[in-house]
Amino acid sequence: MILWILLLLLILVVFGFGFTMQILWWVAAVLLVLWIAGFAMRGRGGGRGGGRRYGRSRG
């Protein structure tokens, strides 16, 4: 009887891990799309002033 309970717990843990990994894949896909959209928007002039990583001090 203990063996069946352990087997059931193992199945539940593996199922839960698989479900969690599926959700993480969807989250990663959405973040990738947002990241690519951010590059596209900045490429079209969405960024303010361009080159905002370097600040305003240009020698």
C-alpha atoms as a PDB file:
ATOM      1  CA  MET A   1       0.000   0.000   0.000  1.00  0.00           C
ATOM      2  CA  ILE A   2       2.856   2.403   0.796  1.00  0.00           C
ATOM      3  CA  LEU A   3       4.362   1.623  -2.602  1.00  0.00           C
ATOM      4  CA  TRP A   4       1.144   2.713  -4.357  1.00  0.00           C
ATOM      5  CA  ILE A   5       1.042   5.967  -2.397  1.00  0.00           C
ATOM      6  CA  LEU A   6       4.681   6.712  -3.255  1.00  0.00           C
ATOM      7  CA  LEU A   7       4.015   5.902  -6.897  1.00  0.00           C
ATOM      8  CA  LEU A   8       0.991   8.209  -6.916  1.00  0.00           C
ATOM      9  CA  LEU A   9       3.020  11.004  -5.304  1.00  0.00           C
ATOM     10  CA  LEU A  10       5.790  10.517  -7.868  1.00  0.00           C
ATOM     11  CA  ILE A  11       3.271  10.727 -10.708  1.00  0.00           C
ATOM     12  CA  LEU A  12       1.757  13.892  -9.244  1.00  0.00           C
ATOM     13  CA  VAL A  13       5.188  15.517  -8.855  1.00  0.00           C
ATOM     14  CA  VAL A  14       6.217  14.638 -12.407  1.00  0.00           C
ATOM     15  CA  PHE A  15       2.879  15.884 -13.770  1.00  0.00           C
ATOM     16  CA  GLY A  16       3.194  19.113 -11.793  1.00  0.00           C
ATOM     17  CA  PHE A  17       6.750  19.648 -13.040  1.00  0.00           C
ATOM     18  CA  GLY A  18       5.662  19.054 -16.634  1.00  0.00           C
ATOM     19  CA  PHE A  19       2.748  21.456 -16.265  1.00  0.00           C
ATOM     20  CA  THR A  20       5.041  24.094 -14.765  1.00  0.00           C
ATOM     21  CA  MET A  21       7.544  23.680 -17.587  1.00  0.00           C
ATOM     22  CA  GLN A  22       4.740  24.094 -20.142  1.00  0.00           C
ATOM     23  CA  ILE A  23       3.717  27.380 -18.504  1.00  0.00           C
ATOM     24  CA  LEU A  24       7.335  28.556 -18.450  1.00  0.00           C
ATOM     25  CA  TRP A  25       7.646  27.834 -22.191  1.00  0.00           C
ATOM     26  CA  TRP A  26       4.576  29.996 -22.859  1.00  0.00           C
ATOM     27  CA  VAL A  27       5.954  32.805 -20.670  1.00  0.00           C
ATOM     28  CA  ALA A  28       9.309  32.615 -22.488  1.00  0.00           C
ATOM     29  CA  ALA A  29       7.564  32.789 -25.873  1.00  0.00           C
ATOM     30  CA  VAL A  30       5.544  35.866 -24.843  1.00  0.00           C
ATOM     31  CA  LEU A  31       8.661  37.599 -23.489  1.00  0.00           C
ATOM     32  CA  LEU A  32      10.530  36.830 -26.714  1.00  0.00           C
ATOM     33  CA  VAL A  33       7.742  38.416 -28.775  1.00  0.00           C
ATOM     34  CA  LEU A  34       7.742  41.507 -26.530  1.00  0.00           C
ATOM     35  CA  TRP A  35      11.526  41.757 -26.784  1.00  0.00           C
ATOM     36  CA  ILE A  36      11.439  41.582 -30.590  1.00  0.00           C
ATOM     37  CA  ALA A  37       8.596  44.131 -30.667  1.00  0.00           C
ATOM     38  CA  GLY A  38      10.699  46.431 -28.493  1.00  0.00           C
ATOM     39  CA  PHE A  39      13.570  46.257 -30.964  1.00  0.00           C
ATOM     40  CA  ALA A  40      11.184  46.954 -33.846  1.00  0.00           C
ATOM     41  CA  MET A  41       9.630  49.949 -32.084  1.00  0.00           C
ATOM     42  CA  ARG A  42      13.024  51.393 -31.206  1.00  0.00           C
ATOM     43  CA  GLY A  43      14.201  50.876 -34.780  1.00  0.00           C
ATOM     44  CA  ARG A  44      11.258  52.944 -36.066  1.00  0.00           C
ATOM     45  CA  GLY A  45      12.071  55.892 -33.844  1.00  0.00           C
ATOM     46  CA  GLY A  46      10.214  54.701 -30.777  1.00  0.00           C
ATOM     47  CA  GLY A  47      13.263  55.434 -28.643  1.00  0.00           C
ATOM     48  CA  ARG A  48      13.536  59.007 -27.389  1.00  0.00           C
ATOM     49  CA  GLY A  49      16.501  60.812 -28.888  1.00  0.00           C
ATOM     50  CA  GLY A  50      18.222  57.639 -30.038  1.00  0.00           C
ATOM     51  CA  GLY A  51      21.272  56.183 -28.332  1.00  0.00           C
ATOM     52  CA  ARG A  52      19.729  56.509 -24.897  1.00  0.00           C
ATOM     53  CA  ARG A  53      22.228  54.065 -23.426  1.00  0.00           C
ATOM     54  CA  TYR A  54      25.016  56.619 -23.591  1.00  0.00           C
ATOM     55  CA  GLY A  55      23.262  59.539 -21.954  1.00  0.00           C
ATOM     56  CA  ARG A  56      23.566  63.202 -22.965  1.00  0.00           C
ATOM     57  CA  SER A  57      27.264  63.812 -22.350  1.00  0.00           C
ATOM     58  CA  ARG A  58      28.815  63.650 -25.807  1.00  0.00           C
ATOM     59  CA  GLY A  59      32.104  65.353 -25.270  1.00  0.00           C
END
